[in-house]
Amino acid sequence: MAPSGGTPIRVFLVAEHADLRQSLEMLLVEEGMVICRWASDAATALRYMPAEADVVIVGLSRGGEGGLGLLRAMASRPGSPPGLVLSANDDAQSVVQARNAGARGYVTNREAPETLARAIREVIAGRTWTPLLGKKQD
């Protein structure tokens, strides 16, 4: 399902590890989405954020500060696409930190294959998606 007409959902992927970027690209392409650009860190992502992106997937590594800073910066920029976090952390504190930083969605690595595409569609539709808040919220 595309955001409008027949245009596929365009994803800007920010993830440190190349193997994660490749596996996510394969997963999203199967769902009819495209990776319009990728970055390996928050500074690069801010510098080269594509105007055509419908959503930004931010891979949070263990510390997560770079990704949280990226989310805060995106939230302060008018017209930025919504951010959705992908993280190994599945504790409530990590979810709350991401939401407070401006994330519209949060998906754990464990649930990503089953739910990532749906979470992306929910976030693009203006809703939130978090594991501890009943998955989607209006």
C-alpha atoms as a PDB file:
ATOM      1  CA  MET A   1       0.000   0.000   0.000  1.00  0.00           C
ATOM      2  CA  ALA A   2       1.548   3.279  -1.098  1.00  0.00           C
ATOM      3  CA  PRO A   3       1.012   6.631   0.617  1.00  0.00           C
ATOM      4  CA  SER A   4      -0.761   8.072  -2.425  1.00  0.00           C
ATOM      5  CA  GLY A   5      -1.696   6.586  -5.755  1.00  0.00           C
ATOM      6  CA  GLY A   6       0.623   3.858  -6.957  1.00  0.00           C
ATOM      7  CA  THR A   7       3.852   5.334  -5.592  1.00  0.00           C
ATOM      8  CA  PRO A   8       5.687   2.914  -3.308  1.00  0.00           C
ATOM      9  CA  ILE A   9       6.496   3.980   0.251  1.00  0.00           C
ATOM     10  CA  ARG A  10       9.956   5.548   0.273  1.00  0.00           C
ATOM     11  CA  VAL A  11      12.065   4.646   3.289  1.00  0.00           C
ATOM     12  CA  PHE A  12      15.177   6.437   4.489  1.00  0.00           C
ATOM     13  CA  LEU A  13      17.118   3.866   6.479  1.00  0.00           C
ATOM     14  CA  VAL A  14      19.587   4.896   9.184  1.00  0.00           C
ATOM     15  CA  ALA A  15      21.451   1.852  10.457  1.00  0.00           C
ATOM     16  CA  GLU A  16      25.048   1.366  11.467  1.00  0.00           C
ATOM     17  CA  HIS A  17      25.522  -2.178  10.176  1.00  0.00           C
ATOM     18  CA  ALA A  18      25.513  -3.027   6.460  1.00  0.00           C
ATOM     19  CA  ASP A  19      24.066  -6.502   7.035  1.00  0.00           C
ATOM     20  CA  LEU A  20      21.074  -4.988   8.847  1.00  0.00           C
ATOM     21  CA  ARG A  21      20.534  -2.490   6.022  1.00  0.00           C
ATOM     22  CA  GLN A  22      20.629  -5.294   3.441  1.00  0.00           C
ATOM     23  CA  SER A  23      18.205  -7.547   5.296  1.00  0.00           C
ATOM     24  CA  LEU A  24      15.788  -4.677   5.916  1.00  0.00           C
ATOM     25  CA  GLU A  25      15.933  -3.680   2.273  1.00  0.00           C
ATOM     26  CA  MET A  26      15.035  -7.233   1.205  1.00  0.00           C
ATOM     27  CA  LEU A  27      12.169  -7.329   3.702  1.00  0.00           C
ATOM     28  CA  LEU A  28      10.759  -3.960   2.649  1.00  0.00           C
ATOM     29  CA  VAL A  29      11.107  -4.583  -1.083  1.00  0.00           C
ATOM     30  CA  GLU A  30       8.969  -7.710  -0.615  1.00  0.00           C
ATOM     31  CA  GLU A  31       6.343  -5.386   0.888  1.00  0.00           C
ATOM     32  CA  GLY A  32       6.436  -3.073  -2.144  1.00  0.00           C
ATOM     33  CA  MET A  33       8.520  -0.366  -0.468  1.00  0.00           C
ATOM     34  CA  VAL A  34      11.783   1.177  -1.622  1.00  0.00           C
ATOM     35  CA  ILE A  35      14.864   2.390   0.216  1.00  0.00           C
ATOM     36  CA  CYS A  36      15.320   5.878  -1.233  1.00  0.00           C
ATOM     37  CA  ARG A  37      18.583   6.413   0.662  1.00  0.00           C
ATOM     38  CA  TRP A  38      20.488   5.081   3.649  1.00  0.00           C
ATOM     39  CA  ALA A  39      22.974   6.440   6.166  1.00  0.00           C
ATOM     40  CA  SER A  40      25.168   4.720   8.704  1.00  0.00           C
ATOM     41  CA  ASP A  41      25.043   7.437  11.383  1.00  0.00           C
ATOM     42  CA  ALA A  42      22.920  10.317  12.659  1.00  0.00           C
ATOM     43  CA  ALA A  43      25.186  13.123  11.405  1.00  0.00           C
ATOM     44  CA  THR A  44      25.137  11.765   7.855  1.00  0.00           C
ATOM     45  CA  ALA A  45      21.396  11.215   8.061  1.00  0.00           C
ATOM     46  CA  LEU A  46      20.753  14.828   9.036  1.00  0.00           C
ATOM     47  CA  ARG A  47      23.046  16.135   6.321  1.00  0.00           C
ATOM     48  CA  TYR A  48      21.546  14.014   3.527  1.00  0.00           C
ATOM     49  CA  MET A  49      17.913  13.497   4.558  1.00  0.00           C
ATOM     50  CA  PRO A  50      16.030  13.014   1.291  1.00  0.00           C
ATOM     51  CA  ALA A  51      13.027  15.276   0.779  1.00  0.00           C
ATOM     52  CA  GLU A  52      11.133  12.422  -0.896  1.00  0.00           C
ATOM     53  CA  ALA A  53      11.277  10.055   2.123  1.00  0.00           C
ATOM     54  CA  ASP A  54       7.903   9.064   3.554  1.00  0.00           C
ATOM     55  CA  VAL A  55       9.390   7.599   6.740  1.00  0.00           C
ATOM     56  CA  VAL A  56      12.784   7.317   8.439  1.00  0.00           C
ATOM     57  CA  ILE A  57      13.729   4.049  10.115  1.00  0.00           C
ATOM     58  CA  VAL A  58      16.301   4.714  12.823  1.00  0.00           C
ATOM     59  CA  GLY A  59      18.249   1.708  14.021  1.00  0.00           C
ATOM     60  CA  LEU A  60      19.096   2.227  17.667  1.00  0.00           C
ATOM     61  CA  SER A  61      22.278   0.548  18.801  1.00  0.00           C
ATOM     62  CA  ARG A  62      23.029  -0.249  22.433  1.00  0.00           C
ATOM     63  CA  GLY A  63      23.678   3.308  23.671  1.00  0.00           C
ATOM     64  CA  GLY A  64      21.186   4.842  21.275  1.00  0.00           C
ATOM     65  CA  GLU A  65      22.202   8.471  21.862  1.00  0.00           C
ATOM     66  CA  GLY A  66      23.035   9.155  18.201  1.00  0.00           C
ATOM     67  CA  GLY A  67      19.669   7.801  17.090  1.00  0.00           C
ATOM     68  CA  LEU A  68      17.785   9.639  19.828  1.00  0.00           C
ATOM     69  CA  GLY A  69      19.553  12.860  18.847  1.00  0.00           C
ATOM     70  CA  LEU A  70      18.554  12.266  15.233  1.00  0.00           C
ATOM     71  CA  LEU A  71      14.919  11.798  16.272  1.00  0.00           C
ATOM     72  CA  ARG A  72      15.007  15.022  18.319  1.00  0.00           C
ATOM     73  CA  ALA A  73      16.511  16.939  15.391  1.00  0.00           C
ATOM     74  CA  MET A  74      13.910  15.546  12.989  1.00  0.00           C
ATOM     75  CA  ALA A  75      11.080  16.449  15.371  1.00  0.00           C
ATOM     76  CA  SER A  76      12.320  20.045  15.478  1.00  0.00           C
ATOM     77  CA  ARG A  77      12.497  20.373  11.674  1.00  0.00           C
ATOM     78  CA  PRO A  78       9.191  21.270  10.031  1.00  0.00           C
ATOM     79  CA  GLY A  79       8.315  18.882   7.229  1.00  0.00           C
ATOM     80  CA  SER A  80      10.555  16.039   8.390  1.00  0.00           C
ATOM     81  CA  PRO A  81       9.136  12.586   7.737  1.00  0.00           C
ATOM     82  CA  PRO A  82       8.046  10.580  10.763  1.00  0.00           C
ATOM     83  CA  GLY A  83      10.663   8.489  12.522  1.00  0.00           C
ATOM     84  CA  LEU A  84      10.263   4.833  13.419  1.00  0.00           C
ATOM     85  CA  VAL A  85      12.791   3.116  15.683  1.00  0.00           C
ATOM     86  CA  LEU A  86      14.122  -0.384  15.116  1.00  0.00           C
ATOM     87  CA  SER A  87      15.959  -1.673  18.182  1.00  0.00           C
ATOM     88  CA  ALA A  88      17.102  -4.789  20.016  1.00  0.00           C
ATOM     89  CA  ASN A  89      15.902  -3.179  23.233  1.00  0.00           C
ATOM     90  CA  ASP A  90      12.386  -4.204  24.190  1.00  0.00           C
ATOM     91  CA  ASP A  91      12.120  -2.598  27.630  1.00  0.00           C
ATOM     92  CA  ALA A  92       9.633   0.121  28.509  1.00  0.00           C
ATOM     93  CA  GLN A  93      12.328   2.700  29.247  1.00  0.00           C
ATOM     94  CA  SER A  94      13.784   2.420  25.720  1.00  0.00           C
ATOM     95  CA  VAL A  95      10.341   2.794  24.163  1.00  0.00           C
ATOM     96  CA  VAL A  96       9.537   5.854  26.298  1.00  0.00           C
ATOM     97  CA  GLN A  97      12.925   7.455  25.501  1.00  0.00           C
ATOM     98  CA  ALA A  98      12.343   6.981  21.784  1.00  0.00           C
ATOM     99  CA  ARG A  99       8.813   8.376  21.979  1.00  0.00           C
ATOM    100  CA  ASN A 100      10.025  11.364  24.017  1.00  0.00           C
ATOM    101  CA  ALA A 101      12.687  12.007  21.365  1.00  0.00           C
ATOM    102  CA  GLY A 102       9.984  12.174  18.689  1.00  0.00           C
ATOM    103  CA  ALA A 103       9.662   8.628  17.346  1.00  0.00           C
ATOM    104  CA  ARG A 104       6.198   7.826  15.986  1.00  0.00           C
ATOM    105  CA  GLY A 105       6.845   4.106  16.136  1.00  0.00           C
ATOM    106  CA  TYR A 106       9.008   1.495  17.815  1.00  0.00           C
ATOM    107  CA  VAL A 107       9.644  -2.018  16.544  1.00  0.00           C
ATOM    108  CA  THR A 108      11.975  -4.523  18.147  1.00  0.00           C
ATOM    109  CA  ASN A 109      14.383  -6.541  16.019  1.00  0.00           C
ATOM    110  CA  ARG A 110      12.620  -9.695  17.192  1.00  0.00           C
ATOM    111  CA  GLU A 111       9.232  -8.616  15.858  1.00  0.00           C
ATOM    112  CA  ALA A 112      10.495  -6.750  12.769  1.00  0.00           C
ATOM    113  CA  PRO A 113       9.943  -9.432  10.122  1.00  0.00           C
ATOM    114  CA  GLU A 114       6.284  -9.783  11.072  1.00  0.00           C
ATOM    115  CA  THR A 115       5.372  -6.201  11.900  1.00  0.00           C
ATOM    116  CA  LEU A 116       7.773  -3.675  10.388  1.00  0.00           C
ATOM    117  CA  ALA A 117       5.830  -3.040   7.170  1.00  0.00           C
ATOM    118  CA  ARG A 118       2.566  -2.683   9.066  1.00  0.00           C
ATOM    119  CA  ALA A 119       4.191  -0.326  11.585  1.00  0.00           C
ATOM    120  CA  ILE A 120       5.537   1.807   8.730  1.00  0.00           C
ATOM    121  CA  ARG A 121       2.068   2.079   7.186  1.00  0.00           C
ATOM    122  CA  GLU A 122       0.526   3.027  10.536  1.00  0.00           C
ATOM    123  CA  VAL A 123       3.137   5.724  11.162  1.00  0.00           C
ATOM    124  CA  ILE A 124       2.706   7.174   7.667  1.00  0.00           C
ATOM    125  CA  ALA A 125      -1.048   7.275   8.293  1.00  0.00           C
ATOM    126  CA  GLY A 126      -0.427   9.514  11.326  1.00  0.00           C
ATOM    127  CA  ARG A 127      -0.793   6.907  14.032  1.00  0.00           C
ATOM    128  CA  THR A 128       1.821   5.610  16.462  1.00  0.00           C
ATOM    129  CA  TRP A 129       3.115   2.073  16.796  1.00  0.00           C
ATOM    130  CA  THR A 130       4.743   0.849  19.992  1.00  0.00           C
ATOM    131  CA  PRO A 131       4.983  -2.606  21.559  1.00  0.00           C
ATOM    132  CA  LEU A 132       3.882  -1.469  25.014  1.00  0.00           C
ATOM    133  CA  LEU A 133       0.942   0.656  23.970  1.00  0.00           C
ATOM    134  CA  GLY A 134      -1.197  -1.925  22.254  1.00  0.00           C
ATOM    135  CA  LYS A 135       0.731  -1.771  18.966  1.00  0.00           C
ATOM    136  CA  LYS A 136      -1.066   1.105  17.305  1.00  0.00           C
ATOM    137  CA  GLN A 137      -2.582   4.285  18.657  1.00  0.00           C
ATOM    138  CA  ASP A 138      -4.590   7.019  16.935  1.00  0.00           C
END
